[in-house]
Amino acid sequence: MQDRPKICPCEYHHREVREDGHCLCHLFVSETYSPETAYQPESGDGSLAEVKSIRHRWVSVYCTSWCFHSRMTKQLLGQHGVPFINIDIEQDEEAAKQVEAWNKGLRSVPTLVIRLILTEPSIAELERILLSPELRFLECDAYVTSWSPDSRRVRAWLERNEIPCTFIDIDEDEEAAKKVEEWNDGFRSVPTLDVRLRMTEPSSQGVRAVLGLENSAA
């Protein structure tokens, strides 16, 4: 098998080559290969600006220690300063079963579970995040008012694109209004979307797009 020196980012590479003849991620490269210098994250085909409407991000990464794709994804999150919960499915049988349930019996890693709070998003931002072909699951709660033009605009877009969504009028639900205030520094900003997503083995570009991260074209 030919060397693939620009892919493997494994920090255990040298030890594993010495002991087993190859890296655990099964990319056969020479002993002179250094994962610290060889791996360069994908730059993508174009530029993506940071999505300003995202107020909060929560990310859980279901992974294994040996999976190079898992390590690449976590490195990308770290480079962008996105905190995440690391869940090793080889150390957590319940997590492994959950991944199997999500992925038709396969322990596919990395599997990302994402929650985003978007406040007054533009249609372009919604298209970027919610229409990604790499999403495997999507649902949301949309906090709106009946009098807000932006609420009506976003509601029409969600319905037109058949996005599973529950619409909650904060003028009629005080607890919902308090949630919106908590997320938006005391303001009852509408529309505010609480979005839950899942991605399986996503590309770096896909992760950037869905999480609203900046990616400047090379």
N, C-alpha and C. Protein backbone atom coordinates (compact mmCIF):
# COMPACT_ATOMS: atom_id res chain seq x y z
N MET A 1 0.85 -1.20 0.00
CA MET A 1 0.00 0.00 0.00
C MET A 1 0.88 1.25 0.00
N GLN A 2 0.52 2.25 -0.78
CA GLN A 2 1.31 3.47 -0.85
C GLN A 2 1.15 4.30 0.42
N ASP A 3 2.21 5.07 0.71
CA ASP A 3 2.13 5.97 1.85
C ASP A 3 1.07 7.04 1.58
N ARG A 4 0.42 7.48 2.67
CA ARG A 4 -0.56 8.56 2.56
C ARG A 4 -0.19 9.61 3.60
N PRO A 5 0.94 10.32 3.42
CA PRO A 5 1.50 11.15 4.47
C PRO A 5 0.72 12.41 4.79
N LYS A 6 -0.30 12.76 4.02
CA LYS A 6 -1.03 14.00 4.30
C LYS A 6 -2.38 13.74 4.95
N ILE A 7 -2.60 12.52 5.43
CA ILE A 7 -3.91 12.21 6.00
C ILE A 7 -3.82 11.90 7.49
N CYS A 8 -2.94 10.97 7.87
CA CYS A 8 -2.94 10.48 9.25
C CYS A 8 -2.49 11.56 10.24
N PRO A 9 -3.32 11.93 11.23
CA PRO A 9 -2.94 12.91 12.24
C PRO A 9 -2.62 12.25 13.59
N CYS A 10 -2.33 10.95 13.59
CA CYS A 10 -2.31 10.18 14.84
C CYS A 10 -1.11 10.53 15.71
N GLU A 11 -1.37 10.94 16.93
CA GLU A 11 -0.30 11.29 17.86
C GLU A 11 0.47 10.06 18.34
N TYR A 12 -0.14 8.89 18.16
CA TYR A 12 0.51 7.64 18.57
C TYR A 12 1.21 6.95 17.41
N HIS A 13 1.33 7.65 16.28
CA HIS A 13 1.78 7.02 15.04
C HIS A 13 3.10 6.29 15.19
N HIS A 14 4.14 6.95 15.71
CA HIS A 14 5.47 6.35 15.76
C HIS A 14 5.49 5.10 16.63
N ARG A 15 4.82 5.15 17.77
CA ARG A 15 4.79 3.98 18.64
C ARG A 15 4.09 2.81 17.97
N GLU A 16 2.98 3.10 17.30
CA GLU A 16 2.19 2.03 16.68
C GLU A 16 2.93 1.42 15.49
N VAL A 17 3.62 2.26 14.71
CA VAL A 17 4.40 1.72 13.60
C VAL A 17 5.51 0.83 14.13
N ARG A 18 6.15 1.26 15.20
CA ARG A 18 7.25 0.49 15.78
C ARG A 18 6.76 -0.86 16.31
N GLU A 19 5.59 -0.86 16.97
CA GLU A 19 5.11 -2.08 17.60
C GLU A 19 4.32 -2.97 16.65
N ASP A 20 3.52 -2.37 15.75
CA ASP A 20 2.59 -3.15 14.93
C ASP A 20 2.88 -3.10 13.44
N GLY A 21 3.78 -2.21 13.03
CA GLY A 21 4.07 -2.10 11.62
C GLY A 21 3.17 -1.14 10.88
N HIS A 22 2.15 -0.65 11.56
CA HIS A 22 1.26 0.33 10.95
C HIS A 22 0.51 1.06 12.06
N CYS A 23 -0.07 2.19 11.68
CA CYS A 23 -0.85 2.99 12.62
C CYS A 23 -2.22 2.36 12.83
N LEU A 24 -2.83 2.56 13.99
CA LEU A 24 -4.14 1.97 14.26
C LEU A 24 -5.21 2.48 13.32
N CYS A 25 -5.01 3.65 12.73
CA CYS A 25 -6.00 4.13 11.79
C CYS A 25 -5.82 3.50 10.41
N HIS A 26 -4.86 2.55 10.33
CA HIS A 26 -4.68 1.71 9.13
C HIS A 26 -4.25 2.50 7.91
N LEU A 27 -3.57 3.61 8.13
CA LEU A 27 -2.96 4.33 7.02
C LEU A 27 -1.46 4.03 7.06
N PHE A 28 -0.98 3.27 6.11
CA PHE A 28 0.39 2.80 6.12
C PHE A 28 1.31 3.91 5.60
N VAL A 29 2.10 4.46 6.48
CA VAL A 29 3.03 5.53 6.12
C VAL A 29 4.40 5.17 6.66
N SER A 30 5.42 5.87 6.22
CA SER A 30 6.78 5.53 6.61
C SER A 30 7.10 6.03 8.01
N GLU A 31 8.19 5.52 8.58
CA GLU A 31 8.57 5.91 9.93
C GLU A 31 9.01 7.37 9.99
N THR A 32 9.40 7.94 8.86
CA THR A 32 9.83 9.33 8.83
C THR A 32 8.66 10.30 8.84
N TYR A 33 7.45 9.76 8.66
CA TYR A 33 6.25 10.60 8.66
C TYR A 33 6.00 11.21 10.04
N SER A 34 5.64 12.48 10.08
CA SER A 34 5.32 13.16 11.35
C SER A 34 3.92 13.71 11.29
N PRO A 35 3.01 13.22 12.16
CA PRO A 35 1.63 13.72 12.14
C PRO A 35 1.54 15.17 12.58
N GLU A 36 2.54 15.66 13.31
CA GLU A 36 2.47 17.05 13.77
C GLU A 36 2.59 18.04 12.61
N THR A 37 3.31 17.65 11.56
CA THR A 37 3.54 18.58 10.46
C THR A 37 2.80 18.20 9.18
N ALA A 38 2.38 16.95 9.04
CA ALA A 38 1.80 16.50 7.77
C ALA A 38 0.35 16.90 7.60
N TYR A 39 -0.41 16.87 8.67
CA TYR A 39 -1.84 17.11 8.52
C TYR A 39 -2.16 18.58 8.40
N GLN A 40 -2.88 18.94 7.37
CA GLN A 40 -3.37 20.30 7.20
C GLN A 40 -4.88 20.22 7.00
N PRO A 41 -5.68 20.91 7.80
CA PRO A 41 -7.13 20.86 7.63
C PRO A 41 -7.55 21.31 6.24
N GLU A 42 -8.69 20.79 5.79
CA GLU A 42 -9.21 21.16 4.49
C GLU A 42 -9.51 22.66 4.44
N SER A 43 -9.20 23.27 3.31
CA SER A 43 -9.51 24.69 3.18
C SER A 43 -10.84 24.91 2.49
N GLY A 44 -11.34 23.88 1.79
CA GLY A 44 -12.62 23.98 1.11
C GLY A 44 -12.49 24.69 -0.22
N ASP A 45 -13.57 24.74 -0.95
CA ASP A 45 -13.57 25.35 -2.28
C ASP A 45 -13.88 26.84 -2.23
N GLY A 46 -14.41 27.31 -1.15
CA GLY A 46 -14.78 28.72 -1.07
C GLY A 46 -14.68 29.20 0.36
N SER A 47 -15.09 30.44 0.57
CA SER A 47 -14.99 31.02 1.89
C SER A 47 -16.35 31.01 2.57
N LEU A 48 -16.32 30.83 3.88
CA LEU A 48 -17.52 30.88 4.71
C LEU A 48 -17.29 31.91 5.80
N ALA A 49 -18.19 32.85 5.95
CA ALA A 49 -18.11 33.81 7.04
C ALA A 49 -18.74 33.19 8.28
N GLU A 50 -18.33 33.67 9.44
CA GLU A 50 -18.93 33.19 10.68
C GLU A 50 -20.39 33.62 10.75
N VAL A 51 -21.24 32.70 11.21
CA VAL A 51 -22.67 33.00 11.33
C VAL A 51 -22.90 33.79 12.62
N LYS A 52 -23.28 35.04 12.48
CA LYS A 52 -23.41 35.93 13.63
C LYS A 52 -24.66 35.65 14.45
N SER A 53 -25.65 34.99 13.86
CA SER A 53 -26.90 34.77 14.58
C SER A 53 -26.80 33.63 15.60
N ILE A 54 -25.72 32.84 15.56
CA ILE A 54 -25.58 31.76 16.52
C ILE A 54 -25.16 32.33 17.87
N ARG A 55 -26.03 32.18 18.87
CA ARG A 55 -25.74 32.71 20.20
C ARG A 55 -25.05 31.67 21.10
N HIS A 56 -25.40 30.40 20.91
CA HIS A 56 -24.84 29.34 21.75
C HIS A 56 -24.65 28.08 20.92
N ARG A 57 -23.59 27.33 21.25
CA ARG A 57 -23.33 26.03 20.62
C ARG A 57 -23.04 25.00 21.71
N TRP A 58 -23.65 23.83 21.57
CA TRP A 58 -23.30 22.68 22.41
C TRP A 58 -23.00 21.51 21.48
N VAL A 59 -21.86 20.86 21.67
CA VAL A 59 -21.45 19.79 20.78
C VAL A 59 -20.98 18.59 21.60
N SER A 60 -21.45 17.40 21.25
CA SER A 60 -20.93 16.14 21.79
C SER A 60 -20.36 15.35 20.63
N VAL A 61 -19.13 14.82 20.83
CA VAL A 61 -18.47 14.04 19.78
C VAL A 61 -18.35 12.60 20.25
N TYR A 62 -19.07 11.70 19.60
CA TYR A 62 -18.97 10.27 19.86
C TYR A 62 -17.86 9.73 18.96
N CYS A 63 -16.83 9.13 19.56
CA CYS A 63 -15.62 8.85 18.81
C CYS A 63 -14.92 7.61 19.36
N THR A 64 -13.77 7.28 18.75
CA THR A 64 -12.83 6.32 19.32
C THR A 64 -11.45 6.98 19.32
N SER A 65 -10.56 6.48 20.15
CA SER A 65 -9.23 7.08 20.26
C SER A 65 -8.38 6.83 19.02
N TRP A 66 -8.66 5.75 18.31
CA TRP A 66 -7.82 5.39 17.17
C TRP A 66 -8.31 5.94 15.83
N CYS A 67 -9.51 6.48 15.78
CA CYS A 67 -10.10 6.91 14.51
C CYS A 67 -9.52 8.25 14.07
N PHE A 68 -8.84 8.27 12.93
CA PHE A 68 -8.22 9.52 12.47
C PHE A 68 -9.27 10.58 12.16
N HIS A 69 -10.43 10.16 11.66
CA HIS A 69 -11.50 11.12 11.35
C HIS A 69 -12.01 11.78 12.63
N SER A 70 -12.12 11.01 13.70
CA SER A 70 -12.52 11.58 14.99
C SER A 70 -11.51 12.63 15.45
N ARG A 71 -10.24 12.30 15.34
CA ARG A 71 -9.21 13.24 15.79
C ARG A 71 -9.18 14.50 14.93
N MET A 72 -9.39 14.35 13.62
CA MET A 72 -9.43 15.51 12.74
C MET A 72 -10.58 16.44 13.12
N THR A 73 -11.74 15.84 13.41
CA THR A 73 -12.91 16.63 13.76
C THR A 73 -12.69 17.38 15.07
N LYS A 74 -12.15 16.70 16.07
CA LYS A 74 -11.90 17.34 17.35
C LYS A 74 -10.82 18.43 17.23
N GLN A 75 -9.83 18.19 16.39
CA GLN A 75 -8.82 19.21 16.16
C GLN A 75 -9.44 20.46 15.52
N LEU A 76 -10.34 20.25 14.58
CA LEU A 76 -11.02 21.38 13.94
C LEU A 76 -11.81 22.19 14.95
N LEU A 77 -12.56 21.49 15.82
CA LEU A 77 -13.32 22.19 16.85
C LEU A 77 -12.40 22.98 17.77
N GLY A 78 -11.28 22.37 18.14
CA GLY A 78 -10.33 23.06 18.99
C GLY A 78 -9.74 24.29 18.34
N GLN A 79 -9.44 24.19 17.04
CA GLN A 79 -8.88 25.34 16.32
C GLN A 79 -9.83 26.52 16.31
N HIS A 80 -11.13 26.24 16.32
CA HIS A 80 -12.13 27.31 16.30
C HIS A 80 -12.63 27.67 17.70
N GLY A 81 -12.05 27.06 18.71
CA GLY A 81 -12.45 27.39 20.08
C GLY A 81 -13.84 26.93 20.45
N VAL A 82 -14.32 25.86 19.80
CA VAL A 82 -15.64 25.33 20.10
C VAL A 82 -15.53 24.26 21.17
N PRO A 83 -16.06 24.48 22.38
CA PRO A 83 -16.01 23.45 23.41
C PRO A 83 -16.89 22.28 23.02
N PHE A 84 -16.47 21.07 23.43
CA PHE A 84 -17.27 19.89 23.12
C PHE A 84 -17.07 18.83 24.20
N ILE A 85 -18.05 17.94 24.28
CA ILE A 85 -17.95 16.78 25.18
C ILE A 85 -17.42 15.62 24.37
N ASN A 86 -16.34 15.01 24.83
CA ASN A 86 -15.71 13.88 24.15
C ASN A 86 -16.24 12.58 24.76
N ILE A 87 -16.85 11.74 23.92
CA ILE A 87 -17.41 10.48 24.39
C ILE A 87 -16.79 9.33 23.60
N ASP A 88 -15.93 8.57 24.25
CA ASP A 88 -15.26 7.43 23.61
C ASP A 88 -16.19 6.22 23.71
N ILE A 89 -16.70 5.76 22.57
CA ILE A 89 -17.69 4.68 22.61
C ILE A 89 -17.07 3.34 22.97
N GLU A 90 -15.73 3.23 22.94
CA GLU A 90 -15.08 1.99 23.38
C GLU A 90 -14.95 1.94 24.89
N GLN A 91 -15.17 3.09 25.53
CA GLN A 91 -15.13 3.16 26.99
C GLN A 91 -16.52 3.30 27.59
N ASP A 92 -17.55 3.39 26.75
CA ASP A 92 -18.91 3.65 27.21
C ASP A 92 -19.87 2.83 26.36
N GLU A 93 -20.28 1.68 26.88
CA GLU A 93 -21.11 0.77 26.11
C GLU A 93 -22.47 1.36 25.78
N GLU A 94 -23.03 2.13 26.70
CA GLU A 94 -24.32 2.75 26.42
C GLU A 94 -24.20 3.76 25.29
N ALA A 95 -23.10 4.50 25.28
CA ALA A 95 -22.88 5.44 24.18
C ALA A 95 -22.71 4.69 22.86
N ALA A 96 -22.02 3.55 22.90
CA ALA A 96 -21.84 2.75 21.69
C ALA A 96 -23.19 2.26 21.16
N LYS A 97 -24.06 1.82 22.05
CA LYS A 97 -25.39 1.37 21.63
C LYS A 97 -26.21 2.52 21.05
N GLN A 98 -26.03 3.71 21.62
CA GLN A 98 -26.74 4.87 21.09
C GLN A 98 -26.29 5.20 19.68
N VAL A 99 -24.97 5.13 19.45
CA VAL A 99 -24.43 5.37 18.11
C VAL A 99 -24.97 4.33 17.13
N GLU A 100 -25.04 3.08 17.55
CA GLU A 100 -25.61 2.03 16.70
C GLU A 100 -27.07 2.34 16.36
N ALA A 101 -27.82 2.78 17.34
CA ALA A 101 -29.24 3.09 17.10
C ALA A 101 -29.38 4.23 16.10
N TRP A 102 -28.50 5.20 16.17
CA TRP A 102 -28.57 6.33 15.25
C TRP A 102 -28.14 5.96 13.83
N ASN A 103 -27.25 4.96 13.71
CA ASN A 103 -26.58 4.69 12.44
C ASN A 103 -26.85 3.28 11.90
N LYS A 104 -28.08 2.82 12.07
CA LYS A 104 -28.53 1.55 11.48
C LYS A 104 -27.65 0.37 11.88
N GLY A 105 -27.29 0.34 13.17
CA GLY A 105 -26.52 -0.76 13.70
C GLY A 105 -25.02 -0.62 13.58
N LEU A 106 -24.55 0.45 12.97
CA LEU A 106 -23.11 0.65 12.79
C LEU A 106 -22.55 1.59 13.86
N ARG A 107 -21.34 1.29 14.31
CA ARG A 107 -20.68 2.16 15.28
C ARG A 107 -19.87 3.21 14.51
N SER A 108 -20.56 4.05 13.79
CA SER A 108 -19.93 5.03 12.91
C SER A 108 -19.41 6.21 13.73
N VAL A 109 -18.12 6.51 13.57
CA VAL A 109 -17.52 7.63 14.28
C VAL A 109 -16.69 8.46 13.31
N PRO A 110 -16.62 9.76 13.57
CA PRO A 110 -17.32 10.45 14.65
C PRO A 110 -18.80 10.68 14.32
N THR A 111 -19.62 10.59 15.35
CA THR A 111 -21.00 11.04 15.26
C THR A 111 -21.13 12.27 16.16
N LEU A 112 -21.60 13.36 15.58
CA LEU A 112 -21.72 14.61 16.32
C LEU A 112 -23.18 14.90 16.64
N VAL A 113 -23.43 15.24 17.89
CA VAL A 113 -24.74 15.71 18.32
C VAL A 113 -24.59 17.19 18.66
N ILE A 114 -25.38 18.01 18.01
CA ILE A 114 -25.19 19.46 18.06
C ILE A 114 -26.50 20.15 18.45
N ARG A 115 -26.37 21.15 19.30
CA ARG A 115 -27.51 22.02 19.61
C ARG A 115 -27.07 23.46 19.40
N LEU A 116 -27.88 24.20 18.67
CA LEU A 116 -27.58 25.60 18.37
C LEU A 116 -28.75 26.49 18.78
N ILE A 117 -28.43 27.67 19.26
CA ILE A 117 -29.43 28.73 19.46
C ILE A 117 -29.13 29.82 18.44
N LEU A 118 -30.09 30.05 17.54
CA LEU A 118 -29.95 31.08 16.52
C LEU A 118 -30.96 32.19 16.79
N THR A 119 -30.48 33.42 16.79
CA THR A 119 -31.35 34.57 17.05
C THR A 119 -31.43 35.46 15.81
N GLU A 120 -32.66 35.69 15.36
CA GLU A 120 -32.93 36.52 14.20
C GLU A 120 -32.04 36.14 13.01
N PRO A 121 -32.04 34.85 12.63
CA PRO A 121 -31.17 34.43 11.53
C PRO A 121 -31.68 34.92 10.18
N SER A 122 -30.75 35.13 9.26
CA SER A 122 -31.12 35.46 7.89
C SER A 122 -31.49 34.17 7.16
N ILE A 123 -32.15 34.30 6.02
CA ILE A 123 -32.49 33.13 5.22
C ILE A 123 -31.22 32.45 4.72
N ALA A 124 -30.21 33.22 4.36
CA ALA A 124 -28.94 32.63 3.91
C ALA A 124 -28.30 31.79 5.01
N GLU A 125 -28.38 32.26 6.25
CA GLU A 125 -27.83 31.49 7.37
C GLU A 125 -28.62 30.21 7.59
N LEU A 126 -29.93 30.29 7.50
CA LEU A 126 -30.76 29.10 7.65
C LEU A 126 -30.44 28.08 6.57
N GLU A 127 -30.29 28.54 5.35
CA GLU A 127 -29.97 27.63 4.25
C GLU A 127 -28.64 26.95 4.47
N ARG A 128 -27.66 27.69 4.92
CA ARG A 128 -26.32 27.13 5.16
C ARG A 128 -26.35 26.04 6.23
N ILE A 129 -27.07 26.30 7.32
CA ILE A 129 -27.03 25.38 8.46
C ILE A 129 -28.03 24.24 8.31
N LEU A 130 -29.27 24.57 7.99
CA LEU A 130 -30.34 23.58 8.08
C LEU A 130 -30.54 22.77 6.81
N LEU A 131 -29.96 23.21 5.70
CA LEU A 131 -30.11 22.45 4.45
C LEU A 131 -28.83 21.70 4.09
N SER A 132 -27.91 21.57 5.03
CA SER A 132 -26.69 20.83 4.75
C SER A 132 -27.02 19.38 4.41
N PRO A 133 -26.47 18.84 3.31
CA PRO A 133 -26.73 17.45 2.95
C PRO A 133 -26.10 16.46 3.93
N GLU A 134 -25.23 16.94 4.83
CA GLU A 134 -24.56 16.04 5.76
C GLU A 134 -25.35 15.83 7.05
N LEU A 135 -26.46 16.53 7.22
CA LEU A 135 -27.28 16.33 8.42
C LEU A 135 -27.98 14.98 8.35
N ARG A 136 -27.99 14.27 9.47
CA ARG A 136 -28.69 13.00 9.56
C ARG A 136 -29.97 13.10 10.39
N PHE A 137 -30.10 14.20 11.12
CA PHE A 137 -31.29 14.40 11.97
C PHE A 137 -31.44 15.88 12.22
N LEU A 138 -32.66 16.32 12.25
CA LEU A 138 -32.89 17.75 12.46
C LEU A 138 -34.27 17.96 13.05
N GLU A 139 -34.32 18.72 14.11
CA GLU A 139 -35.60 19.22 14.63
C GLU A 139 -35.34 20.55 15.32
N CYS A 140 -36.36 21.35 15.47
CA CYS A 140 -36.14 22.63 16.14
C CYS A 140 -37.42 23.15 16.78
N ASP A 141 -37.21 24.03 17.75
CA ASP A 141 -38.28 24.83 18.33
C ASP A 141 -38.03 26.28 17.90
N ALA A 142 -39.06 26.91 17.35
CA ALA A 142 -38.94 28.30 16.90
C ALA A 142 -39.78 29.17 17.83
N TYR A 143 -39.11 30.09 18.51
CA TYR A 143 -39.77 31.02 19.42
C TYR A 143 -40.08 32.29 18.63
N VAL A 144 -41.35 32.62 18.54
CA VAL A 144 -41.82 33.67 17.62
C VAL A 144 -42.87 34.54 18.30
N THR A 145 -43.32 35.56 17.58
CA THR A 145 -44.54 36.30 17.95
C THR A 145 -45.38 36.43 16.68
N SER A 146 -46.66 36.67 16.86
CA SER A 146 -47.56 36.78 15.71
C SER A 146 -47.37 38.09 14.95
N TRP A 147 -46.86 39.13 15.65
CA TRP A 147 -46.76 40.45 15.06
C TRP A 147 -45.41 40.71 14.37
N SER A 148 -44.43 39.83 14.58
CA SER A 148 -43.08 40.07 14.07
C SER A 148 -42.95 39.65 12.61
N PRO A 149 -42.60 40.56 11.71
CA PRO A 149 -42.38 40.19 10.30
C PRO A 149 -41.28 39.15 10.13
N ASP A 150 -40.21 39.27 10.93
CA ASP A 150 -39.12 38.30 10.82
C ASP A 150 -39.58 36.91 11.26
N SER A 151 -40.43 36.86 12.29
CA SER A 151 -40.99 35.57 12.71
C SER A 151 -41.79 34.93 11.58
N ARG A 152 -42.60 35.72 10.93
CA ARG A 152 -43.41 35.19 9.83
C ARG A 152 -42.54 34.74 8.65
N ARG A 153 -41.50 35.51 8.38
CA ARG A 153 -40.59 35.17 7.28
C ARG A 153 -39.88 33.84 7.55
N VAL A 154 -39.34 33.68 8.76
CA VAL A 154 -38.63 32.45 9.11
C VAL A 154 -39.58 31.27 9.16
N ARG A 155 -40.78 31.50 9.72
CA ARG A 155 -41.77 30.41 9.77
C ARG A 155 -42.12 29.94 8.36
N ALA A 156 -42.32 30.85 7.45
CA ALA A 156 -42.67 30.49 6.08
C ALA A 156 -41.54 29.68 5.44
N TRP A 157 -40.29 30.08 5.70
CA TRP A 157 -39.15 29.35 5.13
C TRP A 157 -39.06 27.94 5.70
N LEU A 158 -39.21 27.80 7.02
CA LEU A 158 -39.14 26.48 7.65
C LEU A 158 -40.24 25.56 7.11
N GLU A 159 -41.44 26.09 6.98
CA GLU A 159 -42.55 25.27 6.47
C GLU A 159 -42.34 24.90 5.02
N ARG A 160 -41.84 25.85 4.24
CA ARG A 160 -41.62 25.59 2.81
C ARG A 160 -40.57 24.50 2.60
N ASN A 161 -39.58 24.46 3.48
CA ASN A 161 -38.51 23.47 3.36
C ASN A 161 -38.76 22.21 4.20
N GLU A 162 -39.95 22.12 4.77
CA GLU A 162 -40.39 20.94 5.52
C GLU A 162 -39.42 20.58 6.65
N ILE A 163 -38.96 21.61 7.35
CA ILE A 163 -38.11 21.41 8.52
C ILE A 163 -38.99 21.07 9.71
N PRO A 164 -38.77 19.91 10.37
CA PRO A 164 -39.58 19.57 11.56
C PRO A 164 -39.40 20.65 12.64
N CYS A 165 -40.48 21.30 12.99
CA CYS A 165 -40.35 22.45 13.88
C CYS A 165 -41.63 22.65 14.70
N THR A 166 -41.44 23.02 15.96
CA THR A 166 -42.54 23.42 16.83
C THR A 166 -42.47 24.93 17.01
N PHE A 167 -43.57 25.63 16.72
CA PHE A 167 -43.60 27.08 16.83
C PHE A 167 -44.24 27.47 18.16
N ILE A 168 -43.54 28.34 18.90
CA ILE A 168 -43.95 28.73 20.23
C ILE A 168 -44.06 30.25 20.29
N ASP A 169 -45.25 30.74 20.54
CA ASP A 169 -45.49 32.19 20.62
C ASP A 169 -45.15 32.66 22.03
N ILE A 170 -44.11 33.47 22.15
CA ILE A 170 -43.66 33.87 23.49
C ILE A 170 -44.60 34.87 24.14
N ASP A 171 -45.52 35.48 23.37
CA ASP A 171 -46.53 36.35 23.96
C ASP A 171 -47.60 35.54 24.69
N GLU A 172 -47.67 34.26 24.38
CA GLU A 172 -48.66 33.39 25.00
C GLU A 172 -48.06 32.37 25.96
N ASP A 173 -46.74 32.37 26.10
CA ASP A 173 -46.06 31.38 26.93
C ASP A 173 -44.94 32.08 27.68
N GLU A 174 -45.19 32.41 28.95
CA GLU A 174 -44.23 33.19 29.73
C GLU A 174 -42.93 32.42 29.97
N GLU A 175 -43.03 31.11 30.17
CA GLU A 175 -41.82 30.32 30.38
C GLU A 175 -40.95 30.32 29.13
N ALA A 176 -41.58 30.25 27.97
CA ALA A 176 -40.83 30.33 26.72
C ALA A 176 -40.16 31.69 26.58
N ALA A 177 -40.88 32.74 26.96
CA ALA A 177 -40.32 34.09 26.89
C ALA A 177 -39.08 34.21 27.78
N LYS A 178 -39.12 33.58 28.96
CA LYS A 178 -37.97 33.63 29.87
C LYS A 178 -36.76 32.90 29.27
N LYS A 179 -37.01 31.79 28.56
CA LYS A 179 -35.92 31.09 27.87
C LYS A 179 -35.26 32.01 26.85
N VAL A 180 -36.08 32.67 26.07
CA VAL A 180 -35.55 33.58 25.04
C VAL A 180 -34.74 34.69 25.68
N GLU A 181 -35.21 35.24 26.79
CA GLU A 181 -34.47 36.27 27.50
C GLU A 181 -33.13 35.73 28.00
N GLU A 182 -33.13 34.52 28.52
CA GLU A 182 -31.90 33.91 29.04
C GLU A 182 -30.86 33.74 27.93
N TRP A 183 -31.30 33.32 26.77
CA TRP A 183 -30.39 33.10 25.65
C TRP A 183 -29.90 34.40 25.03
N ASN A 184 -30.67 35.48 25.19
CA ASN A 184 -30.39 36.72 24.46
C ASN A 184 -30.14 37.91 25.38
N ASP A 185 -29.45 37.66 26.47
CA ASP A 185 -29.02 38.75 27.36
C ASP A 185 -30.17 39.63 27.82
N GLY A 186 -31.30 39.00 28.12
CA GLY A 186 -32.42 39.73 28.67
C GLY A 186 -33.42 40.25 27.66
N PHE A 187 -33.12 40.08 26.38
CA PHE A 187 -34.01 40.59 25.33
C PHE A 187 -34.94 39.48 24.83
N ARG A 188 -36.17 39.86 24.49
CA ARG A 188 -37.13 38.91 23.93
C ARG A 188 -37.01 38.95 22.39
N SER A 189 -35.85 38.58 21.91
CA SER A 189 -35.55 38.66 20.49
C SER A 189 -36.24 37.51 19.74
N VAL A 190 -36.95 37.86 18.68
CA VAL A 190 -37.61 36.85 17.86
C VAL A 190 -37.34 37.14 16.38
N PRO A 191 -37.29 36.04 15.61
CA PRO A 191 -37.39 34.65 16.03
C PRO A 191 -36.09 34.16 16.66
N THR A 192 -36.21 33.30 17.64
CA THR A 192 -35.08 32.57 18.20
C THR A 192 -35.32 31.10 17.97
N LEU A 193 -34.34 30.40 17.40
CA LEU A 193 -34.48 28.98 17.08
C LEU A 193 -33.58 28.15 17.98
N ASP A 194 -34.15 27.10 18.56
CA ASP A 194 -33.42 26.09 19.33
C ASP A 194 -33.35 24.84 18.45
N VAL A 195 -32.17 24.59 17.87
CA VAL A 195 -32.02 23.58 16.82
C VAL A 195 -31.19 22.41 17.34
N ARG A 196 -31.67 21.18 17.11
CA ARG A 196 -30.92 19.96 17.46
C ARG A 196 -30.59 19.21 16.18
N LEU A 197 -29.31 18.87 16.04
CA LEU A 197 -28.80 18.28 14.80
C LEU A 197 -27.93 17.06 15.12
N ARG A 198 -27.79 16.22 14.12
CA ARG A 198 -26.83 15.11 14.24
C ARG A 198 -26.12 14.92 12.90
N MET A 199 -24.80 14.67 12.98
CA MET A 199 -23.99 14.43 11.79
C MET A 199 -23.15 13.16 12.01
N THR A 200 -23.03 12.35 10.98
CA THR A 200 -22.24 11.13 11.06
C THR A 200 -21.10 11.20 10.05
N GLU A 201 -19.88 11.04 10.55
CA GLU A 201 -18.68 11.09 9.72
C GLU A 201 -18.68 12.32 8.79
N PRO A 202 -18.87 13.50 9.36
CA PRO A 202 -18.98 14.69 8.52
C PRO A 202 -17.63 15.13 7.96
N SER A 203 -17.67 15.84 6.86
CA SER A 203 -16.46 16.47 6.33
C SER A 203 -16.14 17.71 7.16
N SER A 204 -14.90 18.18 7.06
CA SER A 204 -14.52 19.40 7.76
C SER A 204 -15.36 20.58 7.28
N GLN A 205 -15.58 20.62 5.97
CA GLN A 205 -16.39 21.71 5.42
C GLN A 205 -17.82 21.64 5.95
N GLY A 206 -18.35 20.41 6.07
CA GLY A 206 -19.69 20.26 6.59
C GLY A 206 -19.81 20.72 8.03
N VAL A 207 -18.80 20.39 8.85
CA VAL A 207 -18.80 20.81 10.25
C VAL A 207 -18.76 22.33 10.34
N ARG A 208 -17.90 22.95 9.55
CA ARG A 208 -17.82 24.42 9.55
C ARG A 208 -19.15 25.05 9.15
N ALA A 209 -19.77 24.48 8.12
CA ALA A 209 -21.02 25.05 7.63
C ALA A 209 -22.12 24.97 8.69
N VAL A 210 -22.30 23.80 9.29
CA VAL A 210 -23.39 23.59 10.23
C VAL A 210 -23.16 24.35 11.53
N LEU A 211 -21.91 24.44 11.96
CA LEU A 211 -21.62 25.15 13.21
C LEU A 211 -21.43 26.65 12.99
N GLY A 212 -21.53 27.09 11.73
CA GLY A 212 -21.43 28.52 11.47
C GLY A 212 -20.05 29.08 11.69
N LEU A 213 -19.02 28.28 11.39
CA LEU A 213 -17.64 28.70 11.62
C LEU A 213 -17.05 29.33 10.37
N GLU A 214 -16.11 30.22 10.59
CA GLU A 214 -15.47 30.90 9.47
C GLU A 214 -14.52 29.96 8.77
N ASN A 215 -14.46 30.05 7.46
CA ASN A 215 -13.50 29.29 6.67
C ASN A 215 -13.08 30.15 5.50
N SER A 216 -11.92 30.75 5.59
CA SER A 216 -11.44 31.64 4.52
C SER A 216 -10.83 30.81 3.41
N ALA A 217 -11.18 31.14 2.21
CA ALA A 217 -10.63 30.43 1.06
C ALA A 217 -9.14 30.67 0.98
N ALA A 218 -8.42 29.61 0.57
CA ALA A 218 -6.97 29.75 0.44
C ALA A 218 -6.62 30.63 -0.75
